Amino acid sequence: MQATRVAFIDQVGETAGGAERTLATFLRFAPPDIEPIAVLFEDGAFANELRALGITVEVVASSRAVRSATREDGLLRSALRAPLMIWNVARILRKHRPHLAYTNSMKAHLIGSLAAKLTRTKCVIHFHDLFSGAPLRALQTVSRLTSSARIACSELVATAMNVGATRVIYGPVEVDAYGALDDRRTARRKLGIPDDLPVVALIGRINRWKGHDRFVRIAALVNAVLPVRFIIVGAPIFRDADFVPELEVLIDRLGVRDRVSFHPWVTDVREVYAAIDLNANCSTREPFGRTLIEAAAAGVPTVCFSDSGASETIHDGVTGRCVDPGDDEGFARTIVEMLANRRRLPAISRAAREGVTRFDAPRIAAEMADVIRAAASPA
């Protein structure tokens, strides 16, 4: 099969989020006819991870305006004030002459896709987030102007972007890597979690939209009925460092200091899944929710809200539970019901593990490669 050279463009080079984890997993399992290079807007740990895979990494230093811009404040203005970055990305594309540019993050969509247009390089845009207002309109315009194909991480995101035909491909998980985990008691001992109560976790970066404050309120509602430990695993990556002190105050105000605790991010998150009984996703309209499929691979069911892309990965009542949006009391009742029914919970855990095979990394990588080949085809 003829090789397809692809320039994967992403704004992150240091601390990887879900979009970068999807990209790195794809690159580990990509078919041999996909020849990647990576174009990143910073250097760091994620860049080194890609280098360790034998991938050429080109770093385009971003301006302060671009680095500090968020989707809420000035993303579009900052991107449009970055002609030098667009030109430098275009220079790299001219150097490597890829058949396709593949943008993987919101700033990469704006800058990388315009660089692709400038060099007459076909482009695939992979949407991992939800947008609104001016950023949404800008991305819709850029997508229609530059992209040969589009991928979305969920039906929710594909519908919200509304840019025409978009292939929904869910995030991958390396199912085989979850085949031999520590037993629950051993895992809890390693993490310093007491083994006296059921444990519910919220795992991932600490940002306001992820709903950690809701998680704390749900913990208080649950513990009014059933003693349960709630753990927050993660750190305030990218933004919202001031959110952690707010959560500490909320924990004390609700009187759950002995039942809610913070745990730093661990290198191997499988240790956390091995230690817990339930995974919680409390986000407001989560675009996808990678932790759900990781938890399922470990045999841990998830409770989430039904208005999220995360709910698309759950067979409600069989592999996990979906709760009406914003219903904290319903969320708490669901946790109590699942933990109180100790005979039913193992069946849901088994179903979660069996159902996650549709997200297995080689299968998802093959789907992504199909989109890449079709988009890069001269036809």
Protein backbone atom coordinates (compact mmCIF):
# COMPACT_ATOMS: atom_id res chain seq x y z
CA MET A 1 0.00 0.00 0.00
CA GLN A 2 1.32 3.45 -0.91
CA ALA A 3 2.54 5.43 2.09
CA THR A 4 0.57 8.46 3.25
CA ARG A 5 2.66 11.20 4.86
CA VAL A 6 0.68 13.06 7.51
CA ALA A 7 1.60 16.17 9.51
CA PHE A 8 -0.22 15.94 12.85
CA ILE A 9 -0.60 19.48 14.23
CA ASP A 10 -1.36 20.14 17.92
CA GLN A 11 -0.96 23.10 20.24
CA VAL A 12 0.26 20.93 23.16
CA GLY A 13 3.84 19.83 23.63
CA GLU A 14 4.06 19.58 27.42
CA THR A 15 1.06 18.29 29.38
CA ALA A 16 -1.20 16.09 27.29
CA GLY A 17 -4.98 16.18 27.57
CA GLY A 18 -7.55 13.77 26.16
CA ALA A 19 -7.02 14.90 22.55
CA GLU A 20 -3.29 14.29 22.83
CA ARG A 21 -3.83 10.90 24.47
CA THR A 22 -6.03 9.93 21.53
CA LEU A 23 -3.36 11.10 19.09
CA ALA A 24 -0.52 9.30 20.87
CA THR A 25 -2.52 6.07 21.06
CA PHE A 26 -3.35 6.29 17.36
CA LEU A 27 0.32 6.81 16.50
CA ARG A 28 1.29 3.71 18.52
CA PHE A 29 -1.22 1.59 16.60
CA ALA A 30 -1.26 3.33 13.21
CA PRO A 31 -0.91 1.05 10.17
CA PRO A 32 2.57 1.06 8.62
CA ASP A 33 1.41 2.97 5.53
CA ILE A 34 0.80 6.08 7.69
CA GLU A 35 4.05 8.08 7.88
CA PRO A 36 3.67 10.73 10.60
CA ILE A 37 5.46 13.86 11.58
CA ALA A 38 4.28 16.00 14.50
CA VAL A 39 4.05 19.79 14.46
CA LEU A 40 3.61 21.15 17.98
CA PHE A 41 3.34 24.68 19.34
CA GLU A 42 5.62 23.95 22.32
CA ASP A 43 8.21 21.42 23.44
CA GLY A 44 8.02 19.21 26.52
CA ALA A 45 6.94 15.85 27.86
CA PHE A 46 4.32 15.11 25.20
CA ALA A 47 6.75 16.04 22.44
CA ASN A 48 9.29 13.66 23.96
CA GLU A 49 6.68 10.91 24.14
CA LEU A 50 6.17 11.23 20.39
CA ARG A 51 9.92 11.30 19.76
CA ALA A 52 10.20 8.05 21.73
CA LEU A 53 7.84 6.52 19.17
CA GLY A 54 10.35 7.42 16.46
CA ILE A 55 8.29 10.34 15.16
CA THR A 56 9.93 13.49 13.86
CA VAL A 57 8.74 16.44 15.95
CA GLU A 58 8.85 20.00 14.66
CA VAL A 59 8.23 22.74 17.24
CA VAL A 60 6.75 26.09 16.22
CA ALA A 61 7.12 28.51 19.12
CA SER A 62 3.81 30.22 19.85
CA SER A 63 3.38 33.86 20.75
CA ARG A 64 2.29 34.92 24.23
CA ALA A 65 -1.08 36.01 22.82
CA VAL A 66 -1.71 32.56 21.37
CA ARG A 67 -0.47 30.70 24.48
CA SER A 68 -2.69 32.68 26.82
CA ALA A 69 -5.81 32.74 24.66
CA THR A 70 -8.76 30.58 25.67
CA ARG A 71 -11.92 29.73 23.80
CA GLU A 72 -13.79 32.20 26.04
CA ASP A 73 -11.52 35.22 25.67
CA GLY A 74 -9.87 36.16 22.46
CA LEU A 75 -9.01 32.85 20.86
CA LEU A 76 -10.05 34.06 17.42
CA ARG A 77 -8.42 37.48 17.74
CA SER A 78 -5.16 35.92 18.96
CA ALA A 79 -5.09 33.36 16.17
CA LEU A 80 -5.71 35.98 13.54
CA ARG A 81 -2.87 38.05 15.00
CA ALA A 82 -0.49 35.14 14.49
CA PRO A 83 0.44 35.31 10.80
CA LEU A 84 4.05 34.43 11.66
CA MET A 85 2.92 31.14 13.25
CA ILE A 86 0.77 30.32 10.24
CA TRP A 87 3.73 31.09 8.00
CA ASN A 88 6.11 28.95 10.10
CA VAL A 89 3.72 25.99 10.08
CA ALA A 90 3.39 26.44 6.32
CA ARG A 91 7.18 26.42 6.05
CA ILE A 92 7.31 23.06 7.83
CA LEU A 93 4.62 21.68 5.54
CA ARG A 94 6.62 22.79 2.50
CA LYS A 95 9.71 21.15 3.98
CA HIS A 96 8.09 17.74 4.60
CA ARG A 97 5.54 17.85 1.76
CA PRO A 98 2.91 15.72 3.52
CA HIS A 99 -0.08 14.38 1.66
CA LEU A 100 -2.28 15.60 4.50
CA ALA A 101 -2.33 17.94 7.50
CA TYR A 102 -4.28 16.68 10.50
CA THR A 103 -5.22 19.26 13.14
CA ASN A 104 -5.95 17.95 16.63
CA SER A 105 -6.65 20.92 18.94
CA MET A 106 -8.56 24.20 18.77
CA LYS A 107 -5.58 26.50 18.14
CA ALA A 108 -4.17 23.99 15.68
CA HIS A 109 -7.49 24.02 13.82
CA LEU A 110 -7.23 27.77 13.27
CA ILE A 111 -3.50 28.07 12.63
CA GLY A 112 -2.64 24.67 11.17
CA SER A 113 -5.57 24.43 8.79
CA LEU A 114 -4.85 27.92 7.42
CA ALA A 115 -1.22 26.90 6.92
CA ALA A 116 -2.47 23.84 5.06
CA LYS A 117 -4.65 26.04 2.87
CA LEU A 118 -1.68 28.32 2.19
CA THR A 119 0.40 25.36 0.98
CA ARG A 120 -2.47 23.64 -0.83
CA THR A 121 -2.24 20.68 1.53
CA LYS A 122 -5.36 18.68 2.18
CA CYS A 123 -6.55 18.85 5.77
CA VAL A 124 -8.46 16.70 8.27
CA ILE A 125 -9.83 18.45 11.36
CA HIS A 126 -10.43 16.31 14.45
CA PHE A 127 -12.84 18.02 16.85
CA HIS A 128 -12.46 17.07 20.53
CA ASP A 129 -14.29 19.99 22.17
CA LEU A 130 -17.55 21.90 22.31
CA PHE A 131 -17.56 25.57 21.34
CA SER A 132 -20.05 28.41 21.24
CA GLY A 133 -20.30 32.00 20.08
CA ALA A 134 -17.45 33.54 18.08
CA PRO A 135 -15.04 30.58 18.48
CA LEU A 136 -17.67 28.20 17.12
CA ARG A 137 -18.38 30.44 14.14
CA ALA A 138 -14.67 30.84 13.44
CA LEU A 139 -14.05 27.10 13.54
CA GLN A 140 -17.06 26.43 11.33
CA THR A 141 -15.78 28.93 8.78
CA VAL A 142 -12.23 27.58 8.85
CA SER A 143 -13.44 23.99 8.64
CA ARG A 144 -15.60 24.66 5.59
CA LEU A 145 -12.77 26.62 3.96
CA THR A 146 -9.88 24.23 4.61
CA SER A 147 -10.87 20.67 5.50
CA SER A 148 -11.18 17.66 3.23
CA ALA A 149 -12.72 15.63 6.05
CA ARG A 150 -13.75 16.00 9.65
CA ILE A 151 -13.72 13.70 12.68
CA ALA A 152 -15.59 14.28 15.95
CA CYS A 153 -15.02 12.50 19.25
CA SER A 154 -18.78 12.02 19.80
CA GLU A 155 -22.17 12.49 18.18
CA LEU A 156 -22.69 15.42 20.54
CA VAL A 157 -19.63 17.22 19.19
CA ALA A 158 -20.42 16.39 15.56
CA THR A 159 -23.93 17.81 15.92
CA ALA A 160 -22.75 20.92 17.76
CA MET A 161 -20.06 21.71 15.16
CA ASN A 162 -22.60 21.46 12.30
CA VAL A 163 -20.02 21.58 9.50
CA GLY A 164 -21.41 18.93 7.20
CA ALA A 165 -20.42 15.29 6.93
CA THR A 166 -18.33 14.41 9.99
CA ARG A 167 -17.13 10.95 10.98
CA VAL A 168 -17.69 10.11 14.65
CA ILE A 169 -14.76 8.11 16.03
CA TYR A 170 -14.61 7.62 19.77
CA GLY A 171 -11.38 7.76 21.72
CA PRO A 172 -9.25 4.60 21.94
CA VAL A 173 -8.19 2.57 24.95
CA GLU A 174 -5.55 -0.16 25.04
CA VAL A 175 -7.83 -2.87 26.41
CA ASP A 176 -5.07 -5.47 26.79
CA ALA A 177 -3.19 -3.12 29.14
CA TYR A 178 -6.01 -3.53 31.68
CA GLY A 179 -5.94 -7.31 31.72
CA ALA A 180 -3.92 -7.84 34.90
CA LEU A 181 -4.51 -5.22 37.59
CA ASP A 182 -3.88 -5.35 41.32
CA ASP A 183 -6.74 -6.52 43.49
CA ARG A 184 -8.67 -3.72 45.15
CA ARG A 185 -7.08 -4.07 48.58
CA THR A 186 -3.53 -4.02 47.17
CA ALA A 187 -4.28 -1.05 44.91
CA ARG A 188 -5.74 0.94 47.79
CA ARG A 189 -2.75 0.22 49.97
CA LYS A 190 -0.39 1.48 47.25
CA LEU A 191 -2.40 4.71 46.90
CA GLY A 192 -2.86 5.23 50.63
CA ILE A 193 -6.66 4.86 50.46
CA PRO A 194 -8.29 3.17 53.48
CA ASP A 195 -9.99 -0.11 52.63
CA ASP A 196 -12.96 0.35 54.93
CA LEU A 197 -15.57 1.90 52.60
CA PRO A 198 -16.64 1.89 48.94
CA VAL A 199 -14.72 4.42 46.84
CA VAL A 200 -16.03 6.70 44.10
CA ALA A 201 -13.55 8.71 42.02
CA LEU A 202 -13.55 11.69 39.69
CA ILE A 203 -10.41 11.36 37.58
CA GLY A 204 -8.83 13.95 35.29
CA ARG A 205 -7.73 17.55 35.19
CA ILE A 206 -9.32 19.88 37.73
CA ASN A 207 -11.21 22.55 35.78
CA ARG A 208 -14.47 24.26 36.67
CA TRP A 209 -16.45 22.81 33.78
CA LYS A 210 -15.49 19.31 34.89
CA GLY A 211 -17.88 19.67 37.84
CA HIS A 212 -15.66 18.94 40.83
CA ASP A 213 -17.83 21.22 42.99
CA ARG A 214 -20.87 19.17 41.96
CA PHE A 215 -18.91 16.01 42.83
CA VAL A 216 -18.34 17.36 46.35
CA ARG A 217 -22.03 18.22 46.76
CA ILE A 218 -22.99 14.74 45.55
CA ALA A 219 -20.54 13.26 48.06
CA ALA A 220 -22.38 15.08 50.86
CA LEU A 221 -25.75 13.80 49.63
CA VAL A 222 -24.49 10.22 49.39
CA ASN A 223 -22.86 10.27 52.82
CA ALA A 224 -26.10 11.43 54.41
CA VAL A 225 -27.42 7.98 53.45
CA LEU A 226 -24.44 5.65 52.98
CA PRO A 227 -20.82 5.98 54.11
CA VAL A 228 -18.67 6.26 50.96
CA ARG A 229 -15.22 7.71 50.21
CA PHE A 230 -14.94 10.18 47.31
CA ILE A 231 -11.53 10.92 45.79
CA ILE A 232 -10.50 13.63 43.34
CA VAL A 233 -7.55 12.45 41.25
CA GLY A 234 -5.84 15.07 39.11
CA ALA A 235 -4.48 18.60 38.96
CA PRO A 236 -5.57 22.00 37.57
CA ILE A 237 -3.90 21.65 34.18
CA PHE A 238 -4.13 24.53 31.66
CA ARG A 239 -6.29 26.76 33.92
CA ASP A 240 -8.34 27.14 37.14
CA ALA A 241 -5.57 26.74 39.74
CA ASP A 242 -7.72 28.90 42.04
CA PHE A 243 -10.51 26.31 41.85
CA VAL A 244 -8.75 23.94 44.28
CA PRO A 245 -8.94 26.31 47.29
CA GLU A 246 -12.63 26.86 46.48
CA LEU A 247 -13.18 23.11 46.59
CA GLU A 248 -11.37 22.88 49.93
CA VAL A 249 -13.71 25.51 51.37
CA LEU A 250 -16.75 23.67 49.99
CA ILE A 251 -15.58 20.37 51.49
CA ASP A 252 -15.30 21.98 54.93
CA ARG A 253 -18.61 23.83 54.60
CA LEU A 254 -20.46 20.62 53.76
CA GLY A 255 -18.75 18.71 56.55
CA VAL A 256 -17.26 15.94 54.40
CA ARG A 257 -13.57 16.46 55.11
CA ASP A 258 -13.31 12.85 56.32
CA ARG A 259 -15.01 11.51 53.17
CA VAL A 260 -13.60 13.62 50.32
CA SER A 261 -9.88 13.73 49.56
CA PHE A 262 -7.49 14.86 46.83
CA HIS A 263 -4.97 12.51 45.26
CA PRO A 264 -2.23 13.70 42.91
CA TRP A 265 -2.11 12.47 39.37
CA VAL A 266 -0.34 9.11 39.06
CA THR A 267 1.84 8.02 36.16
CA ASP A 268 -0.11 4.80 35.72
CA VAL A 269 -3.79 5.66 36.15
CA ARG A 270 -4.69 1.97 36.06
CA GLU A 271 -3.71 1.84 39.73
CA VAL A 272 -6.57 4.22 40.51
CA TYR A 273 -9.16 2.23 38.56
CA ALA A 274 -8.04 -0.93 40.33
CA ALA A 275 -8.70 0.76 43.68
CA ILE A 276 -12.22 2.15 43.14
CA ASP A 277 -15.78 0.87 42.94
CA LEU A 278 -17.35 3.55 40.75
CA ASN A 279 -16.14 6.24 38.35
CA ALA A 280 -18.05 9.54 38.26
CA ASN A 281 -18.20 12.03 35.42
CA CYS A 282 -19.81 15.25 36.67
CA SER A 283 -18.95 17.48 33.71
CA THR A 284 -21.33 19.89 32.07
CA ARG A 285 -21.80 18.51 28.53
CA GLU A 286 -18.60 16.48 28.48
CA PRO A 287 -17.52 16.20 24.82
CA PHE A 288 -16.42 12.58 25.26
CA GLY A 289 -14.90 11.50 28.57
CA ARG A 290 -11.87 9.26 28.12
CA THR A 291 -11.97 8.13 31.74
CA LEU A 292 -15.23 6.26 31.08
CA ILE A 293 -13.65 3.82 28.66
CA GLU A 294 -10.50 3.48 30.77
CA ALA A 295 -12.65 2.68 33.79
CA ALA A 296 -14.72 0.20 31.78
CA ALA A 297 -11.54 -1.56 30.62
CA ALA A 298 -10.71 -2.01 34.31
CA GLY A 299 -14.23 -3.30 35.02
CA VAL A 300 -15.33 -0.12 36.80
CA PRO A 301 -18.76 1.26 35.78
CA THR A 302 -19.40 5.00 35.45
CA VAL A 303 -22.23 7.33 36.44
CA CYS A 304 -22.57 10.41 34.21
CA PHE A 305 -25.11 12.93 32.94
CA SER A 306 -27.18 12.01 29.89
CA ASP A 307 -26.50 15.26 27.99
CA SER A 308 -22.82 14.46 27.52
CA GLY A 309 -20.82 12.67 24.87
CA ALA A 310 -19.76 10.42 27.72
CA SER A 311 -23.28 8.96 27.87
CA GLU A 312 -22.87 7.70 24.29
CA THR A 313 -20.37 5.13 25.57
CA ILE A 314 -22.76 3.72 28.21
CA HIS A 315 -25.57 1.21 27.83
CA ASP A 316 -27.69 2.70 30.60
CA GLY A 317 -28.44 0.23 33.36
CA VAL A 318 -26.17 -2.42 31.81
CA THR A 319 -22.60 -1.03 31.62
CA GLY A 320 -23.17 2.08 33.77
CA ARG A 321 -25.79 4.68 34.55
CA CYS A 322 -26.88 7.97 32.99
CA VAL A 323 -28.62 10.65 35.04
CA ASP A 324 -30.75 13.60 33.92
CA PRO A 325 -28.64 16.75 33.36
CA GLY A 326 -28.03 18.78 36.52
CA ASP A 327 -29.85 16.33 38.80
CA ASP A 328 -27.40 16.13 41.69
CA GLU A 329 -29.89 14.33 43.91
CA GLY A 330 -30.59 11.78 41.19
CA PHE A 331 -26.85 11.30 40.72
CA ALA A 332 -26.42 10.68 44.44
CA ARG A 333 -29.37 8.24 44.53
CA THR A 334 -27.87 6.32 41.62
CA ILE A 335 -24.53 5.96 43.39
CA VAL A 336 -26.27 4.74 46.55
CA GLU A 337 -28.37 2.23 44.58
CA MET A 338 -25.35 0.84 42.74
CA LEU A 339 -23.14 0.53 45.81
CA ALA A 340 -25.92 -0.83 48.03
CA ASN A 341 -26.72 -3.62 45.56
CA ARG A 342 -23.53 -5.62 46.01
CA ARG A 343 -24.86 -8.52 43.93
CA ARG A 344 -25.84 -6.36 40.95
CA LEU A 345 -22.64 -4.29 40.82
CA PRO A 346 -20.37 -7.19 39.70
CA ALA A 347 -22.67 -7.85 36.74
CA ILE A 348 -22.48 -4.21 35.64
CA SER A 349 -18.70 -4.32 36.06
CA ARG A 350 -18.43 -7.40 33.83
CA ALA A 351 -20.69 -5.84 31.22
CA ALA A 352 -18.60 -2.65 31.23
CA ARG A 353 -15.42 -4.64 30.62
CA GLU A 354 -17.00 -6.72 27.85
CA GLY A 355 -18.53 -3.68 26.12
CA VAL A 356 -15.34 -1.65 25.99
CA THR A 357 -13.84 -3.80 23.23
CA ARG A 358 -15.48 -1.53 20.63
CA PHE A 359 -13.05 1.19 21.76
CA ASP A 360 -9.96 -1.02 21.54
CA ALA A 361 -6.98 0.92 20.19
CA PRO A 362 -6.21 -1.17 17.06
CA ARG A 363 -9.85 -0.96 15.98
CA ILE A 364 -10.08 2.82 16.51
CA ALA A 365 -6.68 3.35 14.81
CA ALA A 366 -7.95 1.48 11.75
CA GLU A 367 -11.02 3.75 11.58
CA MET A 368 -8.88 6.89 11.82
CA ALA A 369 -6.49 5.57 9.18
CA ASP A 370 -9.42 4.99 6.82
CA VAL A 371 -10.41 8.65 7.10
CA ILE A 372 -6.81 9.77 6.55
CA ARG A 373 -6.34 7.64 3.44
CA ALA A 374 -9.63 8.75 1.92
CA ALA A 375 -8.93 12.43 2.60
CA ALA A 376 -5.40 12.21 1.20
CA SER A 377 -6.49 10.36 -1.92
CA PRO A 378 -6.04 12.31 -5.17
CA ALA A 379 -9.63 11.36 -6.07
